[in-house]
Amino acid sequence: MKTRRALYPGTFDPVHYGHIDLMKRAAAIFDELVVAVYDHNMPTKSLLFSIDERVEMIETALGELDNIRVVPFTGLTVDFARQVGAEVFVRGLRVFSDFEFEFRLALANKRLAPEIETVSLITDEEHTFLSGTTVREIASLGGDVTSMVPPNVAAALYARFNGRAPAEFNRPVPLRD
């Protein structure tokens, strides 16, 4: 029996509950989900966390899920999708303004790799406001992001903005219930 493999690419800087929700939902639809964490060699946007930190944060946040692999990649997403044998790109849509960007991206990917489909999942209503930029900005100003990101990510954010490693962070971090 053929394995239906999907690829969910992104920078995930940092991963948040909107991402996690989409990963789990996609993993329920496909036999295998490859979460592809983009490793910018020449970033078009500045990144807060290294590729290794982002991969580790996602793996820790997901826990033990048999059909999800988290891997770094560089280069064209379509080339990486072919390399791992993915047949589908998974993308998330939060708000209407995402549609135009995702639509153009899907068309460009289809031009480059006509054999790979794009499936867009609508973000759960409680996560529509979330973005990596929003989470980083709130955390950088000392705001509470514990309802937006898993505990390991919140600790890493607070530590980064306080100049200490997560293991050295001793401020109480409220846990999400």
Protein backbone atom coordinates (compact mmCIF):
# COMPACT_ATOMS: atom_id res chain seq x y z
CA MET A 1 0.00 0.00 0.00
CA LYS A 2 1.27 3.43 -0.97
CA THR A 3 2.12 5.92 1.78
CA ARG A 4 0.44 9.32 1.39
CA ARG A 5 3.14 11.75 2.52
CA ALA A 6 2.51 15.47 3.02
CA LEU A 7 4.97 18.29 3.61
CA TYR A 8 4.24 21.21 5.93
CA PRO A 9 7.01 23.77 5.31
CA GLY A 10 7.73 26.91 7.31
CA THR A 11 10.23 28.80 9.39
CA PHE A 12 8.35 28.15 12.65
CA ASP A 13 10.17 30.96 14.46
CA PRO A 14 8.78 30.13 16.91
CA VAL A 15 6.30 27.29 16.58
CA HIS A 16 2.95 28.22 18.15
CA TYR A 17 -0.33 26.48 18.92
CA GLY A 18 -1.72 27.35 15.48
CA HIS A 19 1.16 25.45 13.86
CA ILE A 20 0.82 22.54 16.28
CA ASP A 21 -2.92 22.30 15.59
CA LEU A 22 -2.33 22.16 11.83
CA MET A 23 0.43 19.57 12.24
CA LYS A 24 -1.80 17.27 14.28
CA ARG A 25 -4.77 17.69 11.93
CA ALA A 26 -2.62 17.04 8.84
CA ALA A 27 -1.11 13.97 10.54
CA ALA A 28 -4.64 12.64 11.00
CA ILE A 29 -5.35 13.06 7.27
CA PHE A 30 -2.10 11.75 5.77
CA ASP A 31 -0.09 8.60 6.45
CA GLU A 32 3.00 10.69 7.15
CA LEU A 33 3.61 14.38 7.69
CA VAL A 34 7.05 15.86 7.18
CA VAL A 35 7.37 19.18 9.01
CA ALA A 36 10.03 20.95 6.98
CA VAL A 37 11.78 23.70 8.94
CA TYR A 38 13.39 26.18 6.59
CA ASP A 39 17.05 26.91 7.29
CA HIS A 40 17.68 30.33 5.80
CA ASN A 41 21.20 30.72 4.47
CA MET A 42 20.49 34.32 3.53
CA PRO A 43 17.27 35.09 5.40
CA THR A 44 14.77 37.48 3.92
CA LYS A 45 13.59 37.98 7.47
CA SER A 46 15.58 37.86 10.66
CA LEU A 47 15.15 34.74 12.75
CA LEU A 48 15.20 34.60 16.52
CA PHE A 49 16.07 30.90 16.87
CA SER A 50 18.61 28.71 15.08
CA ILE A 51 17.52 25.82 12.91
CA ASP A 52 18.49 23.30 15.61
CA GLU A 53 16.53 25.21 18.25
CA ARG A 54 13.43 25.41 16.05
CA VAL A 55 13.53 21.70 15.18
CA GLU A 56 13.98 20.76 18.85
CA MET A 57 11.14 23.05 19.97
CA ILE A 58 8.75 21.45 17.48
CA GLU A 59 9.79 17.90 18.38
CA THR A 60 9.37 18.62 22.09
CA ALA A 61 6.02 20.35 21.58
CA LEU A 62 4.64 17.49 19.48
CA GLY A 63 5.77 14.73 21.81
CA GLU A 64 5.53 11.20 20.48
CA LEU A 65 3.57 11.17 17.24
CA ASP A 66 4.49 8.21 15.08
CA ASN A 67 3.66 9.69 11.71
CA ILE A 68 5.32 13.14 11.99
CA ARG A 69 8.98 13.79 11.14
CA VAL A 70 10.57 17.19 11.77
CA VAL A 71 13.50 17.97 9.50
CA PRO A 72 15.47 21.04 8.44
CA PHE A 73 15.78 21.95 4.77
CA THR A 74 17.25 24.56 2.45
CA GLY A 75 16.55 25.49 -1.14
CA LEU A 76 13.33 25.26 -3.06
CA THR A 77 10.45 23.67 -1.21
CA VAL A 78 9.40 21.74 -4.32
CA ASP A 79 12.86 20.18 -4.57
CA PHE A 80 12.74 19.13 -0.93
CA ALA A 81 9.21 17.74 -1.35
CA ARG A 82 10.44 15.56 -4.21
CA GLN A 83 13.47 14.49 -2.16
CA VAL A 84 11.27 13.20 0.69
CA GLY A 85 8.58 11.80 -1.62
CA ALA A 86 5.81 14.21 -0.59
CA GLU A 87 2.74 14.37 -2.81
CA VAL A 88 1.04 17.24 -1.02
CA PHE A 89 1.95 20.59 0.49
CA VAL A 90 -0.02 21.46 3.63
CA ARG A 91 -0.62 25.13 4.24
CA GLY A 92 -2.68 27.01 6.81
CA LEU A 93 -5.11 29.83 6.23
CA ARG A 94 -5.79 32.11 9.19
CA VAL A 95 -7.50 35.15 7.76
CA PHE A 96 -8.65 36.33 4.34
CA SER A 97 -5.42 38.25 3.72
CA ASP A 98 -3.50 34.93 3.88
CA PHE A 99 -5.46 33.66 0.89
CA GLU A 100 -3.79 35.88 -1.73
CA PHE A 101 -0.27 34.95 -0.58
CA GLU A 102 -1.09 31.24 -0.30
CA PHE A 103 -2.89 31.25 -3.65
CA ARG A 104 0.14 32.75 -5.44
CA LEU A 105 2.48 30.34 -3.62
CA ALA A 106 0.34 27.35 -4.60
CA LEU A 107 0.32 28.46 -8.25
CA ALA A 108 4.10 28.96 -8.29
CA ASN A 109 4.64 25.54 -6.68
CA LYS A 110 2.24 23.96 -9.21
CA ARG A 111 4.23 25.53 -12.04
CA LEU A 112 7.49 24.15 -10.63
CA ALA A 113 6.10 20.78 -9.51
CA PRO A 114 2.80 19.95 -11.23
CA GLU A 115 2.74 16.53 -9.58
CA ILE A 116 2.48 17.99 -6.06
CA GLU A 117 -0.89 19.24 -4.81
CA THR A 118 -1.50 21.94 -2.21
CA VAL A 119 -4.04 21.43 0.56
CA SER A 120 -4.97 24.41 2.71
CA LEU A 121 -6.38 23.83 6.17
CA ILE A 122 -8.40 26.55 7.81
CA THR A 123 -6.90 27.53 11.16
CA ASP A 124 -8.98 26.79 14.21
CA GLU A 125 -10.83 29.94 15.26
CA GLU A 126 -8.94 30.28 18.55
CA HIS A 127 -5.62 30.54 16.66
CA THR A 128 -6.55 33.01 13.89
CA PHE A 129 -4.61 35.89 15.46
CA LEU A 130 -1.39 33.90 15.97
CA SER A 131 1.76 34.47 13.99
CA GLY A 132 5.43 34.07 14.81
CA THR A 133 5.83 37.84 14.56
CA THR A 134 3.01 38.47 17.04
CA VAL A 135 4.38 35.93 19.51
CA ARG A 136 7.95 37.29 19.26
CA GLU A 137 6.81 40.88 19.76
CA ILE A 138 4.66 40.09 22.80
CA ALA A 139 7.43 38.00 24.39
CA SER A 140 10.07 40.66 23.66
CA LEU A 141 8.00 43.20 25.59
CA GLY A 142 7.55 40.85 28.55
CA GLY A 143 3.97 39.87 27.72
CA ASP A 144 2.43 36.51 28.55
CA VAL A 145 2.62 34.13 25.57
CA THR A 146 1.86 30.95 27.49
CA SER A 147 -1.60 30.63 25.91
CA MET A 148 -0.04 30.95 22.44
CA VAL A 149 2.93 28.58 22.52
CA PRO A 150 3.85 25.30 24.22
CA PRO A 151 5.65 25.62 27.59
CA ASN A 152 9.07 24.73 26.14
CA VAL A 153 8.72 27.50 23.54
CA ALA A 154 7.55 30.06 26.12
CA ALA A 155 10.58 29.27 28.28
CA ALA A 156 12.91 29.62 25.27
CA LEU A 157 11.34 32.95 24.30
CA TYR A 158 11.55 34.41 27.79
CA ALA A 159 15.12 33.18 28.14
CA ARG A 160 16.16 34.63 24.78
CA PHE A 161 14.74 38.03 25.62
CA ASN A 162 16.27 37.95 29.09
CA GLY A 163 19.68 36.90 27.74
CA ARG A 164 19.83 33.50 29.46
CA ALA A 165 19.63 29.91 28.29
CA PRO A 166 16.23 28.25 28.87
CA ALA A 167 17.70 25.99 31.59
CA GLU A 168 18.87 29.12 33.47
CA PHE A 169 15.49 30.83 33.29
CA ASN A 170 14.07 30.96 36.80
CA ARG A 171 11.08 33.29 36.40
CA PRO A 172 7.88 31.30 36.96
CA VAL A 173 6.27 30.55 33.62
CA PRO A 174 2.52 29.88 33.91
CA LEU A 175 1.56 26.62 32.21
CA ARG A 176 -1.32 26.38 29.76
CA ASP A 177 -4.15 24.29 31.15
